[in-house]
């Protein structure tokens, strides 16, 4: 149908070992610390890995990395993610 698709992963969310997102009703479902979210973004973009809630590693293929605007401190998280990705040599560009 001509749609462009992009696989998305989340810098500011905790993943379960099965690849699902940790339920937001749990107190540790969000990565609200900018440095932790930035590290997860780099792991996604460079290593193609996410460290799950049980410390296991998941393989991930993502074309975009999301930071939720409703995560506390989302602006600081987005800034940290942006800087760390650039520092890691990741090309940041519009999907369009």
PDB file of N, CA and C in Angstrom:
ATOM      1  N   UNK A   1       0.814  -1.191   0.000  1.00  0.00           N
ATOM      2  CA  UNK A   1       0.000   0.000   0.000  1.00  0.00           C
ATOM      3  C   UNK A   1       0.861   1.261   0.000  1.00  0.00           C
ATOM      4  N   UNK A   2       2.162   1.117   0.006  1.00  0.00           N
ATOM      5  CA  UNK A   2       3.019   2.279  -0.073  1.00  0.00           C
ATOM      6  C   UNK A   2       3.357   2.941   1.248  1.00  0.00           C
ATOM      7  N   UNK A   3       2.954   2.358   2.366  1.00  0.00           N
ATOM      8  CA  UNK A   3       3.271   2.944   3.666  1.00  0.00           C
ATOM      9  C   UNK A   3       4.728   2.688   4.016  1.00  0.00           C
ATOM     10  N   UNK A   4       5.365   3.698   4.584  1.00  0.00           N
ATOM     11  CA  UNK A   4       6.705   3.513   5.129  1.00  0.00           C
ATOM     12  C   UNK A   4       6.542   3.117   6.586  1.00  0.00           C
ATOM     13  N   UNK A   5       7.278   2.136   7.006  1.00  0.00           N
ATOM     14  CA  UNK A   5       7.196   1.650   8.375  1.00  0.00           C
ATOM     15  C   UNK A   5       8.516   1.846   9.097  1.00  0.00           C
ATOM     16  N   UNK A   6       8.414   2.009  10.402  1.00  0.00           N
ATOM     17  CA  UNK A   6       9.613   2.129  11.226  1.00  0.00           C
ATOM     18  C   UNK A   6       9.387   1.370  12.522  1.00  0.00           C
ATOM     19  N   UNK A   7      10.315   0.503  12.860  1.00  0.00           N
ATOM     20  CA  UNK A   7      10.251  -0.208  14.138  1.00  0.00           C
ATOM     21  C   UNK A   7      10.706   0.759  15.229  1.00  0.00           C
ATOM     22  N   UNK A   8       9.993   0.758  16.355  1.00  0.00           N
ATOM     23  CA  UNK A   8      10.263   1.710  17.427  1.00  0.00           C
ATOM     24  C   UNK A   8      10.638   0.989  18.708  1.00  0.00           C
ATOM     25  N   UNK A   9      11.571   1.575  19.442  1.00  0.00           N
ATOM     26  CA  UNK A   9      11.926   1.099  20.775  1.00  0.00           C
ATOM     27  C   UNK A   9      11.888   2.313  21.697  1.00  0.00           C
ATOM     28  N   UNK A  10      11.890   2.043  22.990  1.00  0.00           N
ATOM     29  CA  UNK A  10      11.650   3.104  23.959  1.00  0.00           C
ATOM     30  C   UNK A  10      12.847   3.309  24.877  1.00  0.00           C
ATOM     31  N   UNK A  11      13.337   4.542  24.914  1.00  0.00           N
ATOM     32  CA  UNK A  11      14.473   4.869  25.772  1.00  0.00           C
ATOM     33  C   UNK A  11      14.060   4.939  27.234  1.00  0.00           C
ATOM     34  N   UNK A  12      12.815   5.293  27.482  1.00  0.00           N
ATOM     35  CA  UNK A  12      12.385   5.606  28.845  1.00  0.00           C
ATOM     36  C   UNK A  12      11.472   4.558  29.475  1.00  0.00           C
ATOM     37  N   UNK A  13      11.436   3.380  28.900  1.00  0.00           N
ATOM     38  CA  UNK A  13      10.593   2.323  29.453  1.00  0.00           C
ATOM     39  C   UNK A  13      11.433   1.086  29.762  1.00  0.00           C
ATOM     40  N   UNK A  14      11.005   0.359  30.792  1.00  0.00           N
ATOM     41  CA  UNK A  14      11.652  -0.897  31.174  1.00  0.00           C
ATOM     42  C   UNK A  14      10.976  -2.024  30.403  1.00  0.00           C
ATOM     43  N   UNK A  15      11.783  -2.937  29.909  1.00  0.00           N
ATOM     44  CA  UNK A  15      11.286  -4.092  29.160  1.00  0.00           C
ATOM     45  C   UNK A  15      11.310  -5.338  30.037  1.00  0.00           C
ATOM     46  N   UNK A  16      10.353  -6.205  29.804  1.00  0.00           N
ATOM     47  CA  UNK A  16      10.304  -7.504  30.470  1.00  0.00           C
ATOM     48  C   UNK A  16      11.157  -8.494  29.659  1.00  0.00           C
ATOM     49  N   UNK A  17      11.530  -9.624  30.259  1.00  0.00           N
ATOM     50  CA  UNK A  17      12.363 -10.601  29.541  1.00  0.00           C
ATOM     51  C   UNK A  17      11.727 -11.134  28.249  1.00  0.00           C
ATOM     52  N   UNK A  18      10.397 -11.081  28.147  1.00  0.00           N
ATOM     53  CA  UNK A  18       9.735 -11.562  26.924  1.00  0.00           C
ATOM     54  C   UNK A  18       9.611 -10.476  25.854  1.00  0.00           C
ATOM     55  N   UNK A  19      10.172  -9.296  26.119  1.00  0.00           N
ATOM     56  CA  UNK A  19      10.153  -8.213  25.140  1.00  0.00           C
ATOM     57  C   UNK A  19       8.998  -7.244  25.290  1.00  0.00           C
ATOM     58  N   UNK A  20       8.064  -7.529  26.175  1.00  0.00           N
ATOM     59  CA  UNK A  20       6.958  -6.597  26.400  1.00  0.00           C
ATOM     60  C   UNK A  20       7.421  -5.480  27.331  1.00  0.00           C
ATOM     61  N   UNK A  21       6.667  -4.407  27.336  1.00  0.00           N
ATOM     62  CA  UNK A  21       6.976  -3.303  28.235  1.00  0.00           C
ATOM     63  C   UNK A  21       6.455  -3.604  29.625  1.00  0.00           C
ATOM     64  N   UNK A  22       7.240  -3.236  30.617  1.00  0.00           N
ATOM     65  CA  UNK A  22       6.839  -3.428  32.013  1.00  0.00           C
ATOM     66  C   UNK A  22       5.571  -2.609  32.271  1.00  0.00           C
ATOM     67  N   UNK A  23       4.645  -3.195  32.981  1.00  0.00           N
ATOM     68  CA  UNK A  23       3.367  -2.558  33.246  1.00  0.00           C
ATOM     69  C   UNK A  23       3.573  -1.244  33.998  1.00  0.00           C
ATOM     70  N   UNK A  24       2.936  -0.196  33.521  1.00  0.00           N
ATOM     71  CA  UNK A  24       3.085   1.126  34.132  1.00  0.00           C
ATOM     72  C   UNK A  24       2.531   1.199  35.549  1.00  0.00           C
ATOM     73  N   UNK A  25       1.763   0.210  35.969  1.00  0.00           N
ATOM     74  CA  UNK A  25       1.283   0.209  37.349  1.00  0.00           C
ATOM     75  C   UNK A  25       2.404  -0.133  38.328  1.00  0.00           C
ATOM     76  N   UNK A  26       3.513  -0.644  37.817  1.00  0.00           N
ATOM     77  CA  UNK A  26       4.666  -0.976  38.664  1.00  0.00           C
ATOM     78  C   UNK A  26       5.568   0.249  38.809  1.00  0.00           C
ATOM     79  N   UNK A  27       6.085   0.442  40.001  1.00  0.00           N
ATOM     80  CA  UNK A  27       6.850   1.655  40.295  1.00  0.00           C
ATOM     81  C   UNK A  27       8.139   1.776  39.477  1.00  0.00           C
ATOM     82  N   UNK A  28       8.656   0.676  38.985  1.00  0.00           N
ATOM     83  CA  UNK A  28       9.908   0.712  38.224  1.00  0.00           C
ATOM     84  C   UNK A  28       9.705   0.526  36.722  1.00  0.00           C
ATOM     85  N   UNK A  29       8.547   0.906  36.214  1.00  0.00           N
ATOM     86  CA  UNK A  29       8.237   0.727  34.795  1.00  0.00           C
ATOM     87  C   UNK A  29       8.905   1.772  33.900  1.00  0.00           C
ATOM     88  N   UNK A  30       9.294   2.903  34.487  1.00  0.00           N
ATOM     89  CA  UNK A  30       9.869   3.992  33.705  1.00  0.00           C
ATOM     90  C   UNK A  30      11.347   4.173  34.021  1.00  0.00           C
ATOM     91  N   UNK A  31      12.096   4.592  33.026  1.00  0.00           N
ATOM     92  CA  UNK A  31      13.481   5.016  33.226  1.00  0.00           C
ATOM     93  C   UNK A  31      13.440   6.541  33.261  1.00  0.00           C
ATOM     94  N   UNK A  32      13.215   7.107  34.425  1.00  0.00           N
ATOM     95  CA  UNK A  32      13.043   8.551  34.562  1.00  0.00           C
ATOM     96  C   UNK A  32      14.362   9.286  34.749  1.00  0.00           C
ATOM     97  N   UNK A  33      15.445   8.547  34.973  1.00  0.00           N
ATOM     98  CA  UNK A  33      16.754   9.187  35.103  1.00  0.00           C
ATOM     99  C   UNK A  33      17.346   9.370  33.705  1.00  0.00           C
ATOM    100  N   UNK A  34      17.663  10.612  33.340  1.00  0.00           N
ATOM    101  CA  UNK A  34      18.156  10.862  31.983  1.00  0.00           C
ATOM    102  C   UNK A  34      19.318   9.971  31.565  1.00  0.00           C
ATOM    103  N   UNK A  35      20.271   9.736  32.459  1.00  0.00           N
ATOM    104  CA  UNK A  35      21.444   8.945  32.080  1.00  0.00           C
ATOM    105  C   UNK A  35      21.086   7.490  31.801  1.00  0.00           C
ATOM    106  N   UNK A  36      20.170   6.930  32.582  1.00  0.00           N
ATOM    107  CA  UNK A  36      19.749   5.537  32.340  1.00  0.00           C
ATOM    108  C   UNK A  36      19.014   5.419  31.008  1.00  0.00           C
ATOM    109  N   UNK A  37      18.135   6.365  30.731  1.00  0.00           N
ATOM    110  CA  UNK A  37      17.402   6.344  29.464  1.00  0.00           C
ATOM    111  C   UNK A  37      18.361   6.541  28.288  1.00  0.00           C
ATOM    112  N   UNK A  38      19.332   7.433  28.461  1.00  0.00           N
ATOM    113  CA  UNK A  38      20.305   7.671  27.392  1.00  0.00           C
ATOM    114  C   UNK A  38      21.143   6.420  27.135  1.00  0.00           C
ATOM    115  N   UNK A  39      21.527   5.718  28.195  1.00  0.00           N
ATOM    116  CA  UNK A  39      22.292   4.488  28.014  1.00  0.00           C
ATOM    117  C   UNK A  39      21.459   3.445  27.272  1.00  0.00           C
ATOM    118  N   UNK A  40      20.168   3.348  27.622  1.00  0.00           N
ATOM    119  CA  UNK A  40      19.314   2.389  26.922  1.00  0.00           C
ATOM    120  C   UNK A  40      19.192   2.769  25.444  1.00  0.00           C
ATOM    121  N   UNK A  41      19.090   4.049  25.154  1.00  0.00           N
ATOM    122  CA  UNK A  41      19.010   4.489  23.759  1.00  0.00           C
ATOM    123  C   UNK A  41      20.265   4.098  22.991  1.00  0.00           C
ATOM    124  N   UNK A  42      21.426   4.292  23.594  1.00  0.00           N
ATOM    125  CA  UNK A  42      22.683   3.902  22.943  1.00  0.00           C
ATOM    126  C   UNK A  42      22.735   2.392  22.765  1.00  0.00           C
ATOM    127  N   UNK A  43      22.320   1.648  23.777  1.00  0.00           N
ATOM    128  CA  UNK A  43      22.295   0.187  23.657  1.00  0.00           C
ATOM    129  C   UNK A  43      21.398  -0.246  22.501  1.00  0.00           C
ATOM    130  N   UNK A  44      20.267   0.419  22.333  1.00  0.00           N
ATOM    131  CA  UNK A  44      19.338   0.098  21.247  1.00  0.00           C
ATOM    132  C   UNK A  44      19.979   0.409  19.901  1.00  0.00           C
ATOM    133  N   UNK A  45      20.525   1.605  19.771  1.00  0.00           N
ATOM    134  CA  UNK A  45      21.041   2.068  18.480  1.00  0.00           C
ATOM    135  C   UNK A  45      22.358   1.418  18.082  1.00  0.00           C
ATOM    136  N   UNK A  46      23.235   1.199  19.040  1.00  0.00           N
ATOM    137  CA  UNK A  46      24.584   0.717  18.722  1.00  0.00           C
ATOM    138  C   UNK A  46      24.702  -0.788  18.907  1.00  0.00           C
ATOM    139  N   UNK A  47      24.246  -1.266  20.035  1.00  0.00           N
ATOM    140  CA  UNK A  47      24.404  -2.691  20.353  1.00  0.00           C
ATOM    141  C   UNK A  47      23.228  -3.539  19.872  1.00  0.00           C
ATOM    142  N   UNK A  48      22.116  -2.896  19.540  1.00  0.00           N
ATOM    143  CA  UNK A  48      20.875  -3.591  19.157  1.00  0.00           C
ATOM    144  C   UNK A  48      20.430  -4.519  20.280  1.00  0.00           C
ATOM    145  N   UNK A  49      20.587  -4.022  21.510  1.00  0.00           N
ATOM    146  CA  UNK A  49      20.248  -4.800  22.699  1.00  0.00           C
ATOM    147  C   UNK A  49      19.506  -3.921  23.704  1.00  0.00           C
ATOM    148  N   UNK A  50      18.672  -4.564  24.501  1.00  0.00           N
ATOM    149  CA  UNK A  50      18.016  -3.936  25.641  1.00  0.00           C
ATOM    150  C   UNK A  50      18.244  -4.849  26.831  1.00  0.00           C
ATOM    151  N   UNK A  51      18.580  -4.263  27.966  1.00  0.00           N
ATOM    152  CA  UNK A  51      18.705  -5.028  29.197  1.00  0.00           C
ATOM    153  C   UNK A  51      17.319  -5.053  29.847  1.00  0.00           C
ATOM    154  N   UNK A  52      16.777  -6.249  30.004  1.00  0.00           N
ATOM    155  CA  UNK A  52      15.427  -6.420  30.549  1.00  0.00           C
ATOM    156  C   UNK A  52      15.420  -6.283  32.064  1.00  0.00           C
ATOM    157  N   UNK A  53      14.230  -6.302  32.636  1.00  0.00           N
ATOM    158  CA  UNK A  53      14.044  -6.110  34.079  1.00  0.00           C
ATOM    159  C   UNK A  53      14.767  -7.156  34.917  1.00  0.00           C
ATOM    160  N   UNK A  54      15.028  -8.324  34.348  1.00  0.00           N
ATOM    161  CA  UNK A  54      15.732  -9.382  35.091  1.00  0.00           C
ATOM    162  C   UNK A  54      17.232  -9.412  34.756  1.00  0.00           C
ATOM    163  N   UNK A  55      17.716  -8.382  34.078  1.00  0.00           N
ATOM    164  CA  UNK A  55      19.113  -8.224  33.655  1.00  0.00           C
ATOM    165  C   UNK A  55      19.496  -9.081  32.454  1.00  0.00           C
ATOM    166  N   UNK A  56      18.552  -9.820  31.886  1.00  0.00           N
ATOM    167  CA  UNK A  56      18.853 -10.540  30.643  1.00  0.00           C
ATOM    168  C   UNK A  56      18.902  -9.523  29.503  1.00  0.00           C
ATOM    169  N   UNK A  57      19.507  -9.927  28.385  1.00  0.00           N
ATOM    170  CA  UNK A  57      19.597  -9.037  27.234  1.00  0.00           C
ATOM    171  C   UNK A  57      18.686  -9.519  26.125  1.00  0.00           C
ATOM    172  N   UNK A  58      17.990  -8.564  25.516  1.00  0.00           N
ATOM    173  CA  UNK A  58      17.096  -8.840  24.400  1.00  0.00           C
ATOM    174  C   UNK A  58      17.661  -8.200  23.144  1.00  0.00           C
ATOM    175  N   UNK A  59      17.550  -8.882  22.026  1.00  0.00           N
ATOM    176  CA  UNK A  59      17.913  -8.288  20.744  1.00  0.00           C
ATOM    177  C   UNK A  59      16.747  -7.440  20.272  1.00  0.00           C
ATOM    178  N   UNK A  60      17.061  -6.270  19.736  1.00  0.00           N
ATOM    179  CA  UNK A  60      16.018  -5.367  19.261  1.00  0.00           C
ATOM    180  C   UNK A  60      16.454  -4.748  17.943  1.00  0.00           C
ATOM    181  N   UNK A  61      15.524  -4.622  17.039  1.00  0.00           N
ATOM    182  CA  UNK A  61      15.752  -3.934  15.770  1.00  0.00           C
ATOM    183  C   UNK A  61      14.834  -2.723  15.767  1.00  0.00           C
ATOM    184  N   UNK A  62      15.404  -1.540  15.858  1.00  0.00           N
ATOM    185  CA  UNK A  62      14.595  -0.327  15.913  1.00  0.00           C
ATOM    186  C   UNK A  62      15.138   0.714  14.951  1.00  0.00           C
ATOM    187  N   UNK A  63      14.221   1.392  14.275  1.00  0.00           N
ATOM    188  CA  UNK A  63      14.574   2.500  13.395  1.00  0.00           C
ATOM    189  C   UNK A  63      14.379   3.845  14.087  1.00  0.00           C
ATOM    190  N   UNK A  64      13.555   3.843  15.129  1.00  0.00           N
ATOM    191  CA  UNK A  64      13.289   5.066  15.883  1.00  0.00           C
ATOM    192  C   UNK A  64      13.365   4.749  17.372  1.00  0.00           C
ATOM    193  N   UNK A  65      13.686   5.784  18.137  1.00  0.00           N
ATOM    194  CA  UNK A  65      13.716   5.656  19.593  1.00  0.00           C
ATOM    195  C   UNK A  65      12.782   6.711  20.158  1.00  0.00           C
ATOM    196  N   UNK A  66      11.854   6.260  20.985  1.00  0.00           N
ATOM    197  CA  UNK A  66      10.833   7.133  21.552  1.00  0.00           C
ATOM    198  C   UNK A  66      11.183   7.522  22.984  1.00  0.00           C
ATOM    199  N   UNK A  67      10.909   8.778  23.312  1.00  0.00           N
ATOM    200  CA  UNK A  67      10.875   9.258  24.690  1.00  0.00           C
ATOM    201  C   UNK A  67       9.461   9.783  24.887  1.00  0.00           C
ATOM    202  N   UNK A  68       8.746   9.229  25.843  1.00  0.00           N
ATOM    203  CA  UNK A  68       7.359   9.631  26.086  1.00  0.00           C
ATOM    204  C   UNK A  68       7.304  11.007  26.743  1.00  0.00           C
ATOM    205  N   UNK A  69       6.479  11.882  26.223  1.00  0.00           N
ATOM    206  CA  UNK A  69       6.382  13.230  26.782  1.00  0.00           C
ATOM    207  C   UNK A  69       5.753  13.242  28.172  1.00  0.00           C
ATOM    208  N   UNK A  70       5.052  12.165  28.551  1.00  0.00           N
ATOM    209  CA  UNK A  70       4.442  12.122  29.883  1.00  0.00           C
ATOM    210  C   UNK A  70       5.343  11.470  30.935  1.00  0.00           C
ATOM    211  N   UNK A  71       6.534  11.049  30.544  1.00  0.00           N
ATOM    212  CA  UNK A  71       7.496  10.552  31.520  1.00  0.00           C
ATOM    213  C   UNK A  71       8.047  11.746  32.293  1.00  0.00           C
ATOM    214  N   UNK A  72       8.065  11.685  33.621  1.00  0.00           N
ATOM    215  CA  UNK A  72       8.629  12.803  34.387  1.00  0.00           C
ATOM    216  C   UNK A  72      10.058  13.112  33.921  1.00  0.00           C
ATOM    217  N   UNK A  73      10.316  14.396  33.676  1.00  0.00           N
ATOM    218  CA  UNK A  73      11.646  14.801  33.226  1.00  0.00           C
ATOM    219  C   UNK A  73      11.916  14.504  31.763  1.00  0.00           C
ATOM    220  N   UNK A  74      10.874  14.374  30.968  1.00  0.00           N
ATOM    221  CA  UNK A  74      11.050  13.952  29.570  1.00  0.00           C
ATOM    222  C   UNK A  74      11.949  14.880  28.759  1.00  0.00           C
ATOM    223  N   UNK A  75      11.922  16.171  29.034  1.00  0.00           N
ATOM    224  CA  UNK A  75      12.779  17.095  28.283  1.00  0.00           C
ATOM    225  C   UNK A  75      14.246  16.812  28.591  1.00  0.00           C
ATOM    226  N   UNK A  76      14.566  16.630  29.855  1.00  0.00           N
ATOM    227  CA  UNK A  76      15.952  16.305  30.234  1.00  0.00           C
ATOM    228  C   UNK A  76      16.355  14.950  29.667  1.00  0.00           C
ATOM    229  N   UNK A  77      15.431  14.006  29.664  1.00  0.00           N
ATOM    230  CA  UNK A  77      15.710  12.686  29.092  1.00  0.00           C
ATOM    231  C   UNK A  77      16.011  12.820  27.608  1.00  0.00           C
ATOM    232  N   UNK A  78      15.170  13.561  26.889  1.00  0.00           N
ATOM    233  CA  UNK A  78      15.367  13.728  25.441  1.00  0.00           C
ATOM    234  C   UNK A  78      16.711  14.396  25.144  1.00  0.00           C
ATOM    235  N   UNK A  79      17.076  15.389  25.949  1.00  0.00           N
ATOM    236  CA  UNK A  79      18.377  16.046  25.752  1.00  0.00           C
ATOM    237  C   UNK A  79      19.524  15.067  25.968  1.00  0.00           C
ATOM    238  N   UNK A  80      19.436  14.288  27.038  1.00  0.00           N
ATOM    239  CA  UNK A  80      20.500  13.313  27.339  1.00  0.00           C
ATOM    240  C   UNK A  80      20.587  12.251  26.254  1.00  0.00           C
ATOM    241  N   UNK A  81      19.439  11.751  25.797  1.00  0.00           N
ATOM    242  CA  UNK A  81      19.403  10.748  24.724  1.00  0.00           C
ATOM    243  C   UNK A  81      20.043  11.319  23.468  1.00  0.00           C
ATOM    244  N   UNK A  82      19.651  12.520  23.102  1.00  0.00           N
ATOM    245  CA  UNK A  82      20.188  13.179  21.911  1.00  0.00           C
ATOM    246  C   UNK A  82      21.709  13.279  21.995  1.00  0.00           C
ATOM    247  N   UNK A  83      22.214  13.782  23.105  1.00  0.00           N
ATOM    248  CA  UNK A  83      23.659  13.982  23.256  1.00  0.00           C
ATOM    249  C   UNK A  83      24.422  12.665  23.254  1.00  0.00           C
ATOM    250  N   UNK A  84      23.928  11.686  24.010  1.00  0.00           N
ATOM    251  CA  UNK A  84      24.631  10.402  24.078  1.00  0.00           C
ATOM    252  C   UNK A  84      24.644   9.693  22.737  1.00  0.00           C
ATOM    253  N   UNK A  85      23.545   9.776  21.984  1.00  0.00           N
ATOM    254  CA  UNK A  85      23.526   9.153  20.657  1.00  0.00           C
ATOM    255  C   UNK A  85      24.537   9.832  19.738  1.00  0.00           C
ATOM    256  N   UNK A  86      24.574  11.151  19.771  1.00  0.00           N
ATOM    257  CA  UNK A  86      25.560  11.878  18.957  1.00  0.00           C
ATOM    258  C   UNK A  86      26.975  11.516  19.372  1.00  0.00           C
ATOM    259  N   UNK A  87      27.222  11.464  20.685  1.00  0.00           N
ATOM    260  CA  UNK A  87      28.547  11.106  21.189  1.00  0.00           C
ATOM    261  C   UNK A  87      28.962   9.700  20.746  1.00  0.00           C
ATOM    262  N   UNK A  88      27.980   8.819  20.572  1.00  0.00           N
ATOM    263  CA  UNK A  88      28.246   7.440  20.150  1.00  0.00           C
ATOM    264  C   UNK A  88      28.379   7.320  18.632  1.00  0.00           C
ATOM    265  N   UNK A  89      28.232   8.453  17.932  1.00  0.00           N
ATOM    266  CA  UNK A  89      28.378   8.430  16.478  1.00  0.00           C
ATOM    267  C   UNK A  89      27.134   8.004  15.730  1.00  0.00           C
ATOM    268  N   UNK A  90      26.001   8.020  16.394  1.00  0.00           N
ATOM    269  CA  UNK A  90      24.745   7.640  15.748  1.00  0.00           C
ATOM    270  C   UNK A  90      24.230   8.835  14.936  1.00  0.00           C
ATOM    271  N   UNK A  91      23.907   8.581  13.679  1.00  0.00           N
ATOM    272  CA  UNK A  91      23.351   9.626  12.818  1.00  0.00           C
ATOM    273  C   UNK A  91      21.886   9.836  13.184  1.00  0.00           C
ATOM    274  N   UNK A  92      21.564  11.038  13.598  1.00  0.00           N
ATOM    275  CA  UNK A  92      20.178  11.385  13.937  1.00  0.00           C
ATOM    276  C   UNK A  92      19.577  12.139  12.763  1.00  0.00           C
ATOM    277  N   UNK A  93      18.451  11.628  12.306  1.00  0.00           N
ATOM    278  CA  UNK A  93      17.808  12.289  11.165  1.00  0.00           C
ATOM    279  C   UNK A  93      16.325  12.011  11.181  1.00  0.00           C
ATOM    280  N   UNK A  94      15.610  12.805  10.439  1.00  0.00           N
ATOM    281  CA  UNK A  94      14.175  12.645  10.311  1.00  0.00           C
ATOM    282  C   UNK A  94      13.869  11.369   9.548  1.00  0.00           C
ATOM    283  N   UNK A  95      12.817  10.718   9.943  1.00  0.00           N
ATOM    284  CA  UNK A  95      12.410   9.511   9.239  1.00  0.00           C
ATOM    285  C   UNK A  95      11.836   9.833   7.872  1.00  0.00           C
ATOM    286  N   UNK A  96      11.289  11.009   7.714  1.00  0.00           N
ATOM    287  CA  UNK A  96      10.634  11.388   6.446  1.00  0.00           C
ATOM    288  C   UNK A  96      11.595  11.569   5.327  1.00  0.00           C
TER     289      UNK A  96
END
